[in-house]
Amino acid sequence: MKTVLVVTRNLPPLVGGMERLMWNLIDQLRQRARVHVIGPKGCREH
């Protein structure tokens, strides 16, 4: 299985189009690969 690293500052609980896009992208990637996400503090529980 491949591994993907996603580095972003746009993740929930922030609200907006980019945050939804990144969340959906990560969700889809997880169906095909192991995904590690690096984002801002406060996003870990999401």
PDB file of N, CA and C in Angstrom:
ATOM      1  N   MET A   1       0.847  -1.184   0.000  1.00  0.00           N
ATOM      2  CA  MET A   1       0.000   0.000   0.000  1.00  0.00           C
ATOM      3  C   MET A   1       0.888   1.241   0.000  1.00  0.00           C
ATOM      4  N   LYS A   2       0.544   2.198  -0.806  1.00  0.00           N
ATOM      5  CA  LYS A   2       1.293   3.450  -0.884  1.00  0.00           C
ATOM      6  C   LYS A   2       0.989   4.326   0.323  1.00  0.00           C
ATOM      7  N   THR A   3       1.903   5.244   0.598  1.00  0.00           N
ATOM      8  CA  THR A   3       1.729   6.203   1.681  1.00  0.00           C
ATOM      9  C   THR A   3       1.738   7.607   1.092  1.00  0.00           C
ATOM     10  N   VAL A   4       0.781   8.426   1.538  1.00  0.00           N
ATOM     11  CA  VAL A   4       0.651   9.803   1.055  1.00  0.00           C
ATOM     12  C   VAL A   4       0.745  10.740   2.251  1.00  0.00           C
ATOM     13  N   LEU A   5       1.516  11.809   2.106  1.00  0.00           N
ATOM     14  CA  LEU A   5       1.605  12.845   3.132  1.00  0.00           C
ATOM     15  C   LEU A   5       0.882  14.082   2.617  1.00  0.00           C
ATOM     16  N   VAL A   6      -0.094  14.558   3.392  1.00  0.00           N
ATOM     17  CA  VAL A   6      -0.838  15.775   3.045  1.00  0.00           C
ATOM     18  C   VAL A   6      -0.457  16.846   4.064  1.00  0.00           C
ATOM     19  N   VAL A   7       0.074  17.960   3.577  1.00  0.00           N
ATOM     20  CA  VAL A   7       0.433  19.089   4.439  1.00  0.00           C
ATOM     21  C   VAL A   7      -0.467  20.254   4.040  1.00  0.00           C
ATOM     22  N   THR A   8      -1.278  20.723   4.988  1.00  0.00           N
ATOM     23  CA  THR A   8      -2.222  21.796   4.680  1.00  0.00           C
ATOM     24  C   THR A   8      -2.524  22.614   5.927  1.00  0.00           C
ATOM     25  N   ARG A   9      -2.953  23.830   5.714  1.00  0.00           N
ATOM     26  CA  ARG A   9      -3.433  24.652   6.837  1.00  0.00           C
ATOM     27  C   ARG A   9      -4.942  24.783   6.777  1.00  0.00           C
ATOM     28  N   ASN A  10      -5.574  24.086   5.836  1.00  0.00           N
ATOM     29  CA  ASN A  10      -7.021  24.185   5.631  1.00  0.00           C
ATOM     30  C   ASN A  10      -7.706  22.878   5.994  1.00  0.00           C
ATOM     31  N   LEU A  11      -8.052  22.731   7.254  1.00  0.00           N
ATOM     32  CA  LEU A  11      -8.745  21.539   7.739  1.00  0.00           C
ATOM     33  C   LEU A  11      -9.823  21.951   8.730  1.00  0.00           C
ATOM     34  N   PRO A  12     -10.874  21.117   8.876  1.00  0.00           N
ATOM     35  CA  PRO A  12     -11.834  21.376   9.951  1.00  0.00           C
ATOM     36  C   PRO A  12     -11.112  21.376  11.298  1.00  0.00           C
ATOM     37  N   PRO A  13     -11.527  22.170  12.264  1.00  0.00           N
ATOM     38  CA  PRO A  13     -12.812  22.825  12.402  1.00  0.00           C
ATOM     39  C   PRO A  13     -12.915  24.176  11.698  1.00  0.00           C
ATOM     40  N   LEU A  14     -11.882  24.617  10.980  1.00  0.00           N
ATOM     41  CA  LEU A  14     -12.036  25.827  10.174  1.00  0.00           C
ATOM     42  C   LEU A  14     -13.148  25.583   9.162  1.00  0.00           C
ATOM     43  N   VAL A  15     -13.843  26.632   8.769  1.00  0.00           N
ATOM     44  CA  VAL A  15     -15.002  26.485   7.891  1.00  0.00           C
ATOM     45  C   VAL A  15     -14.728  27.176   6.560  1.00  0.00           C
ATOM     46  N   GLY A  16     -15.035  26.481   5.479  1.00  0.00           N
ATOM     47  CA  GLY A  16     -14.877  27.086   4.164  1.00  0.00           C
ATOM     48  C   GLY A  16     -14.746  26.033   3.079  1.00  0.00           C
ATOM     49  N   GLY A  17     -14.659  26.492   1.851  1.00  0.00           N
ATOM     50  CA  GLY A  17     -14.585  25.594   0.709  1.00  0.00           C
ATOM     51  C   GLY A  17     -13.307  24.778   0.664  1.00  0.00           C
ATOM     52  N   MET A  18     -12.159  25.399   0.942  1.00  0.00           N
ATOM     53  CA  MET A  18     -10.890  24.668   0.919  1.00  0.00           C
ATOM     54  C   MET A  18     -10.853  23.603   2.008  1.00  0.00           C
ATOM     55  N   GLU A  19     -11.425  23.902   3.157  1.00  0.00           N
ATOM     56  CA  GLU A  19     -11.438  22.932   4.254  1.00  0.00           C
ATOM     57  C   GLU A  19     -12.260  21.708   3.864  1.00  0.00           C
ATOM     58  N   ARG A  20     -13.403  21.920   3.244  1.00  0.00           N
ATOM     59  CA  ARG A  20     -14.234  20.793   2.774  1.00  0.00           C
ATOM     60  C   ARG A  20     -13.531  20.012   1.678  1.00  0.00           C
ATOM     61  N   LEU A  21     -12.884  20.728   0.761  1.00  0.00           N
ATOM     62  CA  LEU A  21     -12.154  20.079  -0.322  1.00  0.00           C
ATOM     63  C   LEU A  21     -11.049  19.183   0.230  1.00  0.00           C
ATOM     64  N   MET A  22     -10.259  19.700   1.160  1.00  0.00           N
ATOM     65  CA  MET A  22      -9.162  18.910   1.736  1.00  0.00           C
ATOM     66  C   MET A  22      -9.702  17.704   2.489  1.00  0.00           C
ATOM     67  N   TRP A  23     -10.783  17.894   3.254  1.00  0.00           N
ATOM     68  CA  TRP A  23     -11.375  16.786   4.008  1.00  0.00           C
ATOM     69  C   TRP A  23     -11.836  15.684   3.057  1.00  0.00           C
ATOM     70  N   ASN A  24     -12.503  16.061   1.964  1.00  0.00           N
ATOM     71  CA  ASN A  24     -12.978  15.073   0.995  1.00  0.00           C
ATOM     72  C   ASN A  24     -11.822  14.414   0.250  1.00  0.00           C
ATOM     73  N   LEU A  25     -10.792  15.179  -0.084  1.00  0.00           N
ATOM     74  CA  LEU A  25      -9.617  14.620  -0.750  1.00  0.00           C
ATOM     75  C   LEU A  25      -8.951  13.569   0.131  1.00  0.00           C
ATOM     76  N   ILE A  26      -8.758  13.900   1.399  1.00  0.00           N
ATOM     77  CA  ILE A  26      -8.134  12.965   2.335  1.00  0.00           C
ATOM     78  C   ILE A  26      -9.002  11.726   2.498  1.00  0.00           C
ATOM     79  N   ASP A  27     -10.299  11.909   2.587  1.00  0.00           N
ATOM     80  CA  ASP A  27     -11.225  10.779   2.716  1.00  0.00           C
ATOM     81  C   ASP A  27     -11.104   9.840   1.517  1.00  0.00           C
ATOM     82  N   GLN A  28     -11.040  10.385   0.314  1.00  0.00           N
ATOM     83  CA  GLN A  28     -10.912   9.563  -0.892  1.00  0.00           C
ATOM     84  C   GLN A  28      -9.540   8.892  -0.966  1.00  0.00           C
ATOM     85  N   LEU A  29      -8.492   9.615  -0.603  1.00  0.00           N
ATOM     86  CA  LEU A  29      -7.148   9.032  -0.622  1.00  0.00           C
ATOM     87  C   LEU A  29      -7.043   7.846   0.327  1.00  0.00           C
ATOM     88  N   ARG A  30      -7.717   7.919   1.472  1.00  0.00           N
ATOM     89  CA  ARG A  30      -7.651   6.838   2.464  1.00  0.00           C
ATOM     90  C   ARG A  30      -8.214   5.526   1.938  1.00  0.00           C
ATOM     91  N   GLN A  31      -9.029   5.583   0.907  1.00  0.00           N
ATOM     92  CA  GLN A  31      -9.564   4.359   0.316  1.00  0.00           C
ATOM     93  C   GLN A  31      -8.522   3.662  -0.548  1.00  0.00           C
ATOM     94  N   ARG A  32      -7.454   4.380  -0.913  1.00  0.00           N
ATOM     95  CA  ARG A  32      -6.457   3.838  -1.831  1.00  0.00           C
ATOM     96  C   ARG A  32      -5.045   3.789  -1.262  1.00  0.00           C
ATOM     97  N   ALA A  33      -4.808   4.494  -0.157  1.00  0.00           N
ATOM     98  CA  ALA A  33      -3.452   4.596   0.376  1.00  0.00           C
ATOM     99  C   ALA A  33      -3.494   4.883   1.870  1.00  0.00           C
ATOM    100  N   ARG A  34      -2.350   4.712   2.493  1.00  0.00           N
ATOM    101  CA  ARG A  34      -2.172   5.117   3.881  1.00  0.00           C
ATOM    102  C   ARG A  34      -1.901   6.618   3.851  1.00  0.00           C
ATOM    103  N   VAL A  35      -2.645   7.399   4.629  1.00  0.00           N
ATOM    104  CA  VAL A  35      -2.549   8.861   4.556  1.00  0.00           C
ATOM    105  C   VAL A  35      -2.110   9.420   5.906  1.00  0.00           C
ATOM    106  N   HIS A  36      -1.092  10.271   5.865  1.00  0.00           N
ATOM    107  CA  HIS A  36      -0.655  11.025   7.037  1.00  0.00           C
ATOM    108  C   HIS A  36      -0.951  12.488   6.747  1.00  0.00           C
ATOM    109  N   VAL A  37      -1.526  13.178   7.728  1.00  0.00           N
ATOM    110  CA  VAL A  37      -1.926  14.575   7.541  1.00  0.00           C
ATOM    111  C   VAL A  37      -1.198  15.451   8.549  1.00  0.00           C
ATOM    112  N   ILE A  38      -0.616  16.527   8.057  1.00  0.00           N
ATOM    113  CA  ILE A  38      -0.002  17.541   8.913  1.00  0.00           C
ATOM    114  C   ILE A  38      -0.809  18.817   8.724  1.00  0.00           C
ATOM    115  N   GLY A  39      -1.367  19.311   9.832  1.00  0.00           N
ATOM    116  CA  GLY A  39      -2.190  20.515   9.777  1.00  0.00           C
ATOM    117  C   GLY A  39      -2.025  21.326  11.042  1.00  0.00           C
ATOM    118  N   PRO A  40      -2.788  22.399  11.171  1.00  0.00           N
ATOM    119  CA  PRO A  40      -2.680  23.272  12.331  1.00  0.00           C
ATOM    120  C   PRO A  40      -3.163  22.602  13.616  1.00  0.00           C
ATOM    121  N   LYS A  41      -2.701  23.132  14.741  1.00  0.00           N
ATOM    122  CA  LYS A  41      -3.175  22.639  16.037  1.00  0.00           C
ATOM    123  C   LYS A  41      -4.681  22.793  16.115  1.00  0.00           C
ATOM    124  N   GLY A  42      -5.339  21.865  16.800  1.00  0.00           N
ATOM    125  CA  GLY A  42      -6.781  21.936  16.953  1.00  0.00           C
ATOM    126  C   GLY A  42      -7.527  21.106  15.927  1.00  0.00           C
ATOM    127  N   CYS A  43      -6.829  20.606  14.939  1.00  0.00           N
ATOM    128  CA  CYS A  43      -7.476  19.805  13.893  1.00  0.00           C
ATOM    129  C   CYS A  43      -7.357  18.305  14.162  1.00  0.00           C
ATOM    130  N   ARG A  44      -6.568  17.917  15.129  1.00  0.00           N
ATOM    131  CA  ARG A  44      -6.283  16.507  15.380  1.00  0.00           C
ATOM    132  C   ARG A  44      -7.540  15.683  15.599  1.00  0.00           C
ATOM    133  N   GLU A  45      -8.503  16.195  16.369  1.00  0.00           N
ATOM    134  CA  GLU A  45      -9.698  15.409  16.694  1.00  0.00           C
ATOM    135  C   GLU A  45     -10.634  15.251  15.503  1.00  0.00           C
ATOM    136  N   HIS A  46     -10.414  15.999  14.454  1.00  0.00           N
ATOM    137  CA  HIS A  46     -11.268  15.884  13.274  1.00  0.00           C
ATOM    138  C   HIS A  46     -10.591  14.924  12.358  1.00  0.00           C
TER     139      HIS A  46
END
